[in-house]
Amino acid sequence: MKVRAHITVRGRVQGVFFRASMREIALANGVTGWVRNLADGRSVEAVLEGDWDSVEKVLCWSLRGPPGARVEEVEIKFEKYKGEFKTFEIRF
């Protein structure tokens, strides 16, 4: 089953390689989409698409993030799968 998750991660998630680490985890699990920092300086937004098991692995990782991160909240919204991405990228 293919799924799409739109997430916002809040806490100490900027300046700790969160985006680069999420990209590595996503690519390793065959998940496509994107991740970017938000202007508030304390949030990261991402869209993940792929098989349920693969997306779930990235979602579980996002609950803790990389070393140095302090995740305080993760908001997850499931959306209709679109299959619009070829890879997983960091957006600016």
PDB file of N, CA and C in Angstrom:
ATOM      1  N   MET A   1       0.838  -1.179   0.000  1.00  0.00           N
ATOM      2  CA  MET A   1       0.000   0.000   0.000  1.00  0.00           C
ATOM      3  C   MET A   1       0.888   1.249   0.000  1.00  0.00           C
ATOM      4  N   LYS A   2       0.640   2.142  -0.926  1.00  0.00           N
ATOM      5  CA  LYS A   2       1.401   3.394  -1.023  1.00  0.00           C
ATOM      6  C   LYS A   2       0.724   4.459  -0.170  1.00  0.00           C
ATOM      7  N   VAL A   3       1.556   5.256   0.540  1.00  0.00           N
ATOM      8  CA  VAL A   3       1.030   6.309   1.406  1.00  0.00           C
ATOM      9  C   VAL A   3       1.819   7.597   1.204  1.00  0.00           C
ATOM     10  N   ARG A   4       1.200   8.678   1.668  1.00  0.00           N
ATOM     11  CA  ARG A   4       1.837   9.994   1.650  1.00  0.00           C
ATOM     12  C   ARG A   4       1.608  10.615   3.021  1.00  0.00           C
ATOM     13  N   ALA A   5       2.675  11.081   3.643  1.00  0.00           N
ATOM     14  CA  ALA A   5       2.581  11.740   4.944  1.00  0.00           C
ATOM     15  C   ALA A   5       3.208  13.119   4.847  1.00  0.00           C
ATOM     16  N   HIS A   6       2.507  14.120   5.352  1.00  0.00           N
ATOM     17  CA  HIS A   6       3.007  15.495   5.416  1.00  0.00           C
ATOM     18  C   HIS A   6       3.258  15.761   6.895  1.00  0.00           C
ATOM     19  N   ILE A   7       4.524  16.011   7.254  1.00  0.00           N
ATOM     20  CA  ILE A   7       4.849  16.137   8.677  1.00  0.00           C
ATOM     21  C   ILE A   7       5.515  17.471   8.991  1.00  0.00           C
ATOM     22  N   THR A   8       5.325  17.899  10.226  1.00  0.00           N
ATOM     23  CA  THR A   8       6.035  19.046  10.779  1.00  0.00           C
ATOM     24  C   THR A   8       6.662  18.573  12.087  1.00  0.00           C
ATOM     25  N   VAL A   9       7.967  18.772  12.192  1.00  0.00           N
ATOM     26  CA  VAL A   9       8.712  18.362  13.384  1.00  0.00           C
ATOM     27  C   VAL A   9       9.178  19.632  14.082  1.00  0.00           C
ATOM     28  N   ARG A  10       8.864  19.758  15.381  1.00  0.00           N
ATOM     29  CA  ARG A  10       9.227  20.958  16.134  1.00  0.00           C
ATOM     30  C   ARG A  10      10.178  20.609  17.273  1.00  0.00           C
ATOM     31  N   GLY A  11      11.023  21.567  17.606  1.00  0.00           N
ATOM     32  CA  GLY A  11      11.992  21.404  18.684  1.00  0.00           C
ATOM     33  C   GLY A  11      13.336  21.931  18.233  1.00  0.00           C
ATOM     34  N   ARG A  12      14.394  21.317  18.734  1.00  0.00           N
ATOM     35  CA  ARG A  12      15.747  21.691  18.294  1.00  0.00           C
ATOM     36  C   ARG A  12      16.079  20.810  17.093  1.00  0.00           C
ATOM     37  N   VAL A  13      15.616  21.220  15.912  1.00  0.00           N
ATOM     38  CA  VAL A  13      15.760  20.396  14.720  1.00  0.00           C
ATOM     39  C   VAL A  13      16.440  21.142  13.566  1.00  0.00           C
ATOM     40  N   GLN A  14      16.836  22.371  13.807  1.00  0.00           N
ATOM     41  CA  GLN A  14      17.606  23.103  12.804  1.00  0.00           C
ATOM     42  C   GLN A  14      19.032  23.262  13.322  1.00  0.00           C
ATOM     43  N   GLY A  15      20.007  23.131  12.420  1.00  0.00           N
ATOM     44  CA  GLY A  15      21.403  23.253  12.813  1.00  0.00           C
ATOM     45  C   GLY A  15      21.976  21.988  13.419  1.00  0.00           C
ATOM     46  N   VAL A  16      21.264  20.854  13.284  1.00  0.00           N
ATOM     47  CA  VAL A  16      21.732  19.583  13.845  1.00  0.00           C
ATOM     48  C   VAL A  16      21.738  18.475  12.776  1.00  0.00           C
ATOM     49  N   PHE A  17      21.757  18.874  11.502  1.00  0.00           N
ATOM     50  CA  PHE A  17      21.785  17.945  10.358  1.00  0.00           C
ATOM     51  C   PHE A  17      20.510  17.104  10.242  1.00  0.00           C
ATOM     52  N   PHE A  18      19.394  17.659  10.710  1.00  0.00           N
ATOM     53  CA  PHE A  18      18.127  16.929  10.638  1.00  0.00           C
ATOM     54  C   PHE A  18      17.741  16.644   9.193  1.00  0.00           C
ATOM     55  N   ARG A  19      17.782  17.678   8.337  1.00  0.00           N
ATOM     56  CA  ARG A  19      17.375  17.502   6.941  1.00  0.00           C
ATOM     57  C   ARG A  19      18.266  16.500   6.217  1.00  0.00           C
ATOM     58  N   ALA A  20      19.567  16.630   6.370  1.00  0.00           N
ATOM     59  CA  ALA A  20      20.494  15.714   5.693  1.00  0.00           C
ATOM     60  C   ALA A  20      20.319  14.287   6.197  1.00  0.00           C
ATOM     61  N   SER A  21      20.121  14.144   7.489  1.00  0.00           N
ATOM     62  CA  SER A  21      19.925  12.813   8.067  1.00  0.00           C
ATOM     63  C   SER A  21      18.615  12.204   7.605  1.00  0.00           C
ATOM     64  N   MET A  22      17.548  13.023   7.547  1.00  0.00           N
ATOM     65  CA  MET A  22      16.263  12.502   7.073  1.00  0.00           C
ATOM     66  C   MET A  22      16.382  12.065   5.617  1.00  0.00           C
ATOM     67  N   ARG A  23      17.108  12.820   4.818  1.00  0.00           N
ATOM     68  CA  ARG A  23      17.293  12.444   3.415  1.00  0.00           C
ATOM     69  C   ARG A  23      17.979  11.087   3.313  1.00  0.00           C
ATOM     70  N   GLU A  24      19.022  10.872   4.105  1.00  0.00           N
ATOM     71  CA  GLU A  24      19.735   9.585   4.094  1.00  0.00           C
ATOM     72  C   GLU A  24      18.801   8.438   4.488  1.00  0.00           C
ATOM     73  N   ILE A  25      18.032   8.625   5.546  1.00  0.00           N
ATOM     74  CA  ILE A  25      17.107   7.592   6.028  1.00  0.00           C
ATOM     75  C   ILE A  25      16.041   7.317   4.969  1.00  0.00           C
ATOM     76  N   ALA A  26      15.502   8.378   4.375  1.00  0.00           N
ATOM     77  CA  ALA A  26      14.464   8.213   3.360  1.00  0.00           C
ATOM     78  C   ALA A  26      14.999   7.453   2.152  1.00  0.00           C
ATOM     79  N   LEU A  27      16.152   7.876   1.639  1.00  0.00           N
ATOM     80  CA  LEU A  27      16.723   7.211   0.470  1.00  0.00           C
ATOM     81  C   LEU A  27      17.058   5.745   0.767  1.00  0.00           C
ATOM     82  N   ALA A  28      17.557   5.473   1.960  1.00  0.00           N
ATOM     83  CA  ALA A  28      17.900   4.096   2.341  1.00  0.00           C
ATOM     84  C   ALA A  28      16.665   3.202   2.395  1.00  0.00           C
ATOM     85  N   ASN A  29      15.498   3.815   2.608  1.00  0.00           N
ATOM     86  CA  ASN A  29      14.253   3.049   2.716  1.00  0.00           C
ATOM     87  C   ASN A  29      13.360   3.175   1.484  1.00  0.00           C
ATOM     88  N   GLY A  30      13.859   3.804   0.434  1.00  0.00           N
ATOM     89  CA  GLY A  30      13.077   3.920  -0.798  1.00  0.00           C
ATOM     90  C   GLY A  30      11.930   4.904  -0.722  1.00  0.00           C
ATOM     91  N   VAL A  31      12.031   5.871   0.191  1.00  0.00           N
ATOM     92  CA  VAL A  31      10.987   6.878   0.358  1.00  0.00           C
ATOM     93  C   VAL A  31      11.343   8.103  -0.481  1.00  0.00           C
ATOM     94  N   THR A  32      10.356   8.666  -1.177  1.00  0.00           N
ATOM     95  CA  THR A  32      10.567   9.871  -1.972  1.00  0.00           C
ATOM     96  C   THR A  32       9.867  11.051  -1.309  1.00  0.00           C
ATOM     97  N   GLY A  33      10.229  12.268  -1.742  1.00  0.00           N
ATOM     98  CA  GLY A  33       9.601  13.468  -1.206  1.00  0.00           C
ATOM     99  C   GLY A  33      10.614  14.563  -0.984  1.00  0.00           C
ATOM    100  N   TRP A  34      10.398  15.344   0.068  1.00  0.00           N
ATOM    101  CA  TRP A  34      11.285  16.462   0.363  1.00  0.00           C
ATOM    102  C   TRP A  34      11.230  16.835   1.841  1.00  0.00           C
ATOM    103  N   VAL A  35      12.239  17.627   2.260  1.00  0.00           N
ATOM    104  CA  VAL A  35      12.301  18.153   3.621  1.00  0.00           C
ATOM    105  C   VAL A  35      12.865  19.567   3.544  1.00  0.00           C
ATOM    106  N   ARG A  36      12.389  20.457   4.424  1.00  0.00           N
ATOM    107  CA  ARG A  36      12.907  21.827   4.459  1.00  0.00           C
ATOM    108  C   ARG A  36      12.761  22.410   5.859  1.00  0.00           C
ATOM    109  N   ASN A  37      13.611  23.406   6.163  1.00  0.00           N
ATOM    110  CA  ASN A  37      13.483  24.170   7.391  1.00  0.00           C
ATOM    111  C   ASN A  37      12.345  25.168   7.218  1.00  0.00           C
ATOM    112  N   LEU A  38      11.669  25.472   8.304  1.00  0.00           N
ATOM    113  CA  LEU A  38      10.656  26.515   8.291  1.00  0.00           C
ATOM    114  C   LEU A  38      11.245  27.799   8.873  1.00  0.00           C
ATOM    115  N   ALA A  39      10.651  28.924   8.526  1.00  0.00           N
ATOM    116  CA  ALA A  39      11.178  30.237   8.898  1.00  0.00           C
ATOM    117  C   ALA A  39      11.163  30.519  10.394  1.00  0.00           C
ATOM    118  N   ASP A  40      10.418  29.736  11.174  1.00  0.00           N
ATOM    119  CA  ASP A  40      10.352  29.998  12.618  1.00  0.00           C
ATOM    120  C   ASP A  40      11.636  29.635  13.349  1.00  0.00           C
ATOM    121  N   GLY A  41      12.570  28.956  12.658  1.00  0.00           N
ATOM    122  CA  GLY A  41      13.854  28.606  13.265  1.00  0.00           C
ATOM    123  C   GLY A  41      13.826  27.401  14.183  1.00  0.00           C
ATOM    124  N   ARG A  42      12.674  26.768  14.327  1.00  0.00           N
ATOM    125  CA  ARG A  42      12.580  25.616  15.233  1.00  0.00           C
ATOM    126  C   ARG A  42      11.707  24.488  14.700  1.00  0.00           C
ATOM    127  N   SER A  43      11.449  24.513  13.394  1.00  0.00           N
ATOM    128  CA  SER A  43      10.604  23.483  12.798  1.00  0.00           C
ATOM    129  C   SER A  43      11.142  23.036  11.454  1.00  0.00           C
ATOM    130  N   VAL A  44      10.840  21.783  11.123  1.00  0.00           N
ATOM    131  CA  VAL A  44      11.178  21.197   9.833  1.00  0.00           C
ATOM    132  C   VAL A  44       9.897  20.601   9.273  1.00  0.00           C
ATOM    133  N   GLU A  45       9.676  20.790   7.977  1.00  0.00           N
ATOM    134  CA  GLU A  45       8.505  20.252   7.300  1.00  0.00           C
ATOM    135  C   GLU A  45       8.972  19.245   6.253  1.00  0.00           C
ATOM    136  N   ALA A  46       8.213  18.166   6.073  1.00  0.00           N
ATOM    137  CA  ALA A  46       8.581  17.156   5.082  1.00  0.00           C
ATOM    138  C   ALA A  46       7.337  16.503   4.497  1.00  0.00           C
ATOM    139  N   VAL A  47       7.485  16.029   3.268  1.00  0.00           N
ATOM    140  CA  VAL A  47       6.471  15.193   2.623  1.00  0.00           C
ATOM    141  C   VAL A  47       7.158  13.883   2.269  1.00  0.00           C
ATOM    142  N   LEU A  48       6.560  12.779   2.689  1.00  0.00           N
ATOM    143  CA  LEU A  48       7.124  11.447   2.484  1.00  0.00           C
ATOM    144  C   LEU A  48       6.141  10.613   1.670  1.00  0.00           C
ATOM    145  N   GLU A  49       6.642   9.936   0.644  1.00  0.00           N
ATOM    146  CA  GLU A  49       5.808   9.028  -0.130  1.00  0.00           C
ATOM    147  C   GLU A  49       6.512   7.696  -0.323  1.00  0.00           C
ATOM    148  N   GLY A  50       5.734   6.622  -0.264  1.00  0.00           N
ATOM    149  CA  GLY A  50       6.283   5.296  -0.494  1.00  0.00           C
ATOM    150  C   GLY A  50       5.398   4.220   0.088  1.00  0.00           C
ATOM    151  N   ASP A  51       5.941   3.026   0.175  1.00  0.00           N
ATOM    152  CA  ASP A  51       5.233   1.920   0.813  1.00  0.00           C
ATOM    153  C   ASP A  51       5.046   2.234   2.295  1.00  0.00           C
ATOM    154  N   TRP A  52       3.949   1.740   2.865  1.00  0.00           N
ATOM    155  CA  TRP A  52       3.645   2.024   4.272  1.00  0.00           C
ATOM    156  C   TRP A  52       4.827   1.701   5.187  1.00  0.00           C
ATOM    157  N   ASP A  53       5.410   0.504   5.063  1.00  0.00           N
ATOM    158  CA  ASP A  53       6.498   0.098   5.958  1.00  0.00           C
ATOM    159  C   ASP A  53       7.688   1.048   5.865  1.00  0.00           C
ATOM    160  N   SER A  54       8.005   1.494   4.665  1.00  0.00           N
ATOM    161  CA  SER A  54       9.142   2.389   4.459  1.00  0.00           C
ATOM    162  C   SER A  54       8.879   3.771   5.039  1.00  0.00           C
ATOM    163  N   VAL A  55       7.706   4.302   4.773  1.00  0.00           N
ATOM    164  CA  VAL A  55       7.349   5.615   5.319  1.00  0.00           C
ATOM    165  C   VAL A  55       7.295   5.551   6.835  1.00  0.00           C
ATOM    166  N   GLU A  56       6.783   4.461   7.375  1.00  0.00           N
ATOM    167  CA  GLU A  56       6.709   4.300   8.832  1.00  0.00           C
ATOM    168  C   GLU A  56       8.097   4.350   9.463  1.00  0.00           C
ATOM    169  N   LYS A  57       9.096   3.769   8.808  1.00  0.00           N
ATOM    170  CA  LYS A  57      10.465   3.808   9.336  1.00  0.00           C
ATOM    171  C   LYS A  57      10.976   5.238   9.428  1.00  0.00           C
ATOM    172  N   VAL A  58      10.704   6.043   8.416  1.00  0.00           N
ATOM    173  CA  VAL A  58      11.136   7.444   8.437  1.00  0.00           C
ATOM    174  C   VAL A  58      10.351   8.217   9.498  1.00  0.00           C
ATOM    175  N   LEU A  59       9.067   7.942   9.614  1.00  0.00           N
ATOM    176  CA  LEU A  59       8.260   8.604  10.638  1.00  0.00           C
ATOM    177  C   LEU A  59       8.778   8.273  12.037  1.00  0.00           C
ATOM    178  N   CYS A  60       9.090   7.012  12.290  1.00  0.00           N
ATOM    179  CA  CYS A  60       9.622   6.607  13.599  1.00  0.00           C
ATOM    180  C   CYS A  60      10.956   7.292  13.875  1.00  0.00           C
ATOM    181  N   TRP A  61      11.805   7.370  12.858  1.00  0.00           N
ATOM    182  CA  TRP A  61      13.090   8.063  13.016  1.00  0.00           C
ATOM    183  C   TRP A  61      12.861   9.527  13.367  1.00  0.00           C
ATOM    184  N   SER A  62      11.865  10.156  12.736  1.00  0.00           N
ATOM    185  CA  SER A  62      11.624  11.586  12.957  1.00  0.00           C
ATOM    186  C   SER A  62      11.184  11.895  14.385  1.00  0.00           C
ATOM    187  N   LEU A  63      10.731  10.906  15.124  1.00  0.00           N
ATOM    188  CA  LEU A  63      10.347  11.127  16.521  1.00  0.00           C
ATOM    189  C   LEU A  63      11.544  11.423  17.413  1.00  0.00           C
ATOM    190  N   ARG A  64      12.742  11.035  16.963  1.00  0.00           N
ATOM    191  CA  ARG A  64      13.953  11.310  17.747  1.00  0.00           C
ATOM    192  C   ARG A  64      14.968  12.134  16.972  1.00  0.00           C
ATOM    193  N   GLY A  65      15.041  11.949  15.644  1.00  0.00           N
ATOM    194  CA  GLY A  65      15.974  12.701  14.815  1.00  0.00           C
ATOM    195  C   GLY A  65      17.414  12.245  15.012  1.00  0.00           C
ATOM    196  N   PRO A  66      18.354  13.012  14.461  1.00  0.00           N
ATOM    197  CA  PRO A  66      19.766  12.659  14.565  1.00  0.00           C
ATOM    198  C   PRO A  66      20.322  13.043  15.944  1.00  0.00           C
ATOM    199  N   PRO A  67      21.542  12.591  16.255  1.00  0.00           N
ATOM    200  CA  PRO A  67      22.175  13.041  17.504  1.00  0.00           C
ATOM    201  C   PRO A  67      22.235  14.573  17.525  1.00  0.00           C
ATOM    202  N   GLY A  68      21.958  15.157  18.650  1.00  0.00           N
ATOM    203  CA  GLY A  68      21.970  16.613  18.768  1.00  0.00           C
ATOM    204  C   GLY A  68      20.595  17.242  18.626  1.00  0.00           C
ATOM    205  N   ALA A  69      19.659  16.524  18.051  1.00  0.00           N
ATOM    206  CA  ALA A  69      18.290  17.037  17.921  1.00  0.00           C
ATOM    207  C   ALA A  69      17.527  16.801  19.221  1.00  0.00           C
ATOM    208  N   ARG A  70      16.542  17.641  19.454  1.00  0.00           N
ATOM    209  CA  ARG A  70      15.622  17.439  20.573  1.00  0.00           C
ATOM    210  C   ARG A  70      14.213  17.656  20.029  1.00  0.00           C
ATOM    211  N   VAL A  71      13.587  16.582  19.643  1.00  0.00           N
ATOM    212  CA  VAL A  71      12.253  16.643  19.055  1.00  0.00           C
ATOM    213  C   VAL A  71      11.229  16.812  20.176  1.00  0.00           C
ATOM    214  N   GLU A  72      10.417  17.852  20.049  1.00  0.00           N
ATOM    215  CA  GLU A  72       9.391  18.126  21.044  1.00  0.00           C
ATOM    216  C   GLU A  72       8.004  17.723  20.563  1.00  0.00           C
ATOM    217  N   GLU A  73       7.786  17.787  19.252  1.00  0.00           N
ATOM    218  CA  GLU A  73       6.454  17.493  18.714  1.00  0.00           C
ATOM    219  C   GLU A  73       6.576  17.092  17.249  1.00  0.00           C
ATOM    220  N   VAL A  74       5.782  16.108  16.850  1.00  0.00           N
ATOM    221  CA  VAL A  74       5.691  15.719  15.450  1.00  0.00           C
ATOM    222  C   VAL A  74       4.217  15.690  15.068  1.00  0.00           C
ATOM    223  N   GLU A  75       3.858  16.507  14.092  1.00  0.00           N
ATOM    224  CA  GLU A  75       2.491  16.546  13.571  1.00  0.00           C
ATOM    225  C   GLU A  75       2.492  15.781  12.251  1.00  0.00           C
ATOM    226  N   ILE A  76       1.615  14.799  12.137  1.00  0.00           N
ATOM    227  CA  ILE A  76       1.554  13.966  10.932  1.00  0.00           C
ATOM    228  C   ILE A  76       0.160  14.066  10.327  1.00  0.00           C
ATOM    229  N   LYS A  77       0.113  14.391   9.031  1.00  0.00           N
ATOM    230  CA  LYS A  77      -1.145  14.405   8.295  1.00  0.00           C
ATOM    231  C   LYS A  77      -0.992  13.463   7.106  1.00  0.00           C
ATOM    232  N   PHE A  78      -1.859  12.482   7.025  1.00  0.00           N
ATOM    233  CA  PHE A  78      -1.827  11.583   5.875  1.00  0.00           C
ATOM    234  C   PHE A  78      -2.676  12.180   4.768  1.00  0.00           C
ATOM    235  N   GLU A  79      -2.121  12.146   3.565  1.00  0.00           N
ATOM    236  CA  GLU A  79      -2.776  12.707   2.390  1.00  0.00           C
ATOM    237  C   GLU A  79      -2.884  11.629   1.317  1.00  0.00           C
ATOM    238  N   LYS A  80      -3.606  11.948   0.272  1.00  0.00           N
ATOM    239  CA  LYS A  80      -3.743  11.017  -0.848  1.00  0.00           C
ATOM    240  C   LYS A  80      -2.380  10.860  -1.541  1.00  0.00           C
ATOM    241  N   TYR A  81      -1.973   9.618  -1.758  1.00  0.00           N
ATOM    242  CA  TYR A  81      -0.717   9.326  -2.447  1.00  0.00           C
ATOM    243  C   TYR A  81      -0.784   9.869  -3.868  1.00  0.00           C
ATOM    244  N   LYS A  82       0.282  10.575  -4.292  1.00  0.00           N
ATOM    245  CA  LYS A  82       0.317  11.169  -5.628  1.00  0.00           C
ATOM    246  C   LYS A  82       1.396  10.566  -6.522  1.00  0.00           C
ATOM    247  N   GLY A  83       2.461  10.018  -5.936  1.00  0.00           N
ATOM    248  CA  GLY A  83       3.547   9.457  -6.730  1.00  0.00           C
ATOM    249  C   GLY A  83       4.268  10.497  -7.563  1.00  0.00           C
ATOM    250  N   GLU A  84       4.381  11.710  -7.046  1.00  0.00           N
ATOM    251  CA  GLU A  84       4.927  12.807  -7.841  1.00  0.00           C
ATOM    252  C   GLU A  84       6.441  13.000  -7.731  1.00  0.00           C
ATOM    253  N   PHE A  85       7.113  12.251  -6.883  1.00  0.00           N
ATOM    254  CA  PHE A  85       8.548  12.457  -6.675  1.00  0.00           C
ATOM    255  C   PHE A  85       9.369  11.297  -7.225  1.00  0.00           C
ATOM    256  N   LYS A  86      10.563  11.617  -7.706  1.00  0.00           N
ATOM    257  CA  LYS A  86      11.476  10.584  -8.201  1.00  0.00           C
ATOM    258  C   LYS A  86      12.528  10.218  -7.158  1.00  0.00           C
ATOM    259  N   THR A  87      12.800  11.155  -6.245  1.00  0.00           N
ATOM    260  CA  THR A  87      13.833  10.964  -5.220  1.00  0.00           C
ATOM    261  C   THR A  87      13.415  11.719  -3.964  1.00  0.00           C
ATOM    262  N   PHE A  88      14.320  11.821  -3.007  1.00  0.00           N
ATOM    263  CA  PHE A  88      14.060  12.602  -1.790  1.00  0.00           C
ATOM    264  C   PHE A  88      15.070  13.736  -1.757  1.00  0.00           C
ATOM    265  N   GLU A  89      14.574  14.975  -1.659  1.00  0.00           N
ATOM    266  CA  GLU A  89      15.475  16.116  -1.751  1.00  0.00           C
ATOM    267  C   GLU A  89      15.316  17.066  -0.563  1.00  0.00           C
ATOM    268  N   ILE A  90      16.359  17.840  -0.349  1.00  0.00           N
ATOM    269  CA  ILE A  90      16.326  18.918   0.628  1.00  0.00           C
ATOM    270  C   ILE A  90      15.929  20.177  -0.133  1.00  0.00           C
ATOM    271  N   ARG A  91      14.903  20.833   0.358  1.00  0.00           N
ATOM    272  CA  ARG A  91      14.451  22.077  -0.268  1.00  0.00           C
ATOM    273  C   ARG A  91      14.879  23.256   0.588  1.00  0.00           C
ATOM    274  N   PHE A  92      15.087  24.359  -0.082  1.00  0.00           N
ATOM    275  CA  PHE A  92      15.524  25.581   0.601  1.00  0.00           C
ATOM    276  C   PHE A  92      14.516  26.697   0.403  1.00  0.00           C
TER     277      PHE A  92
END
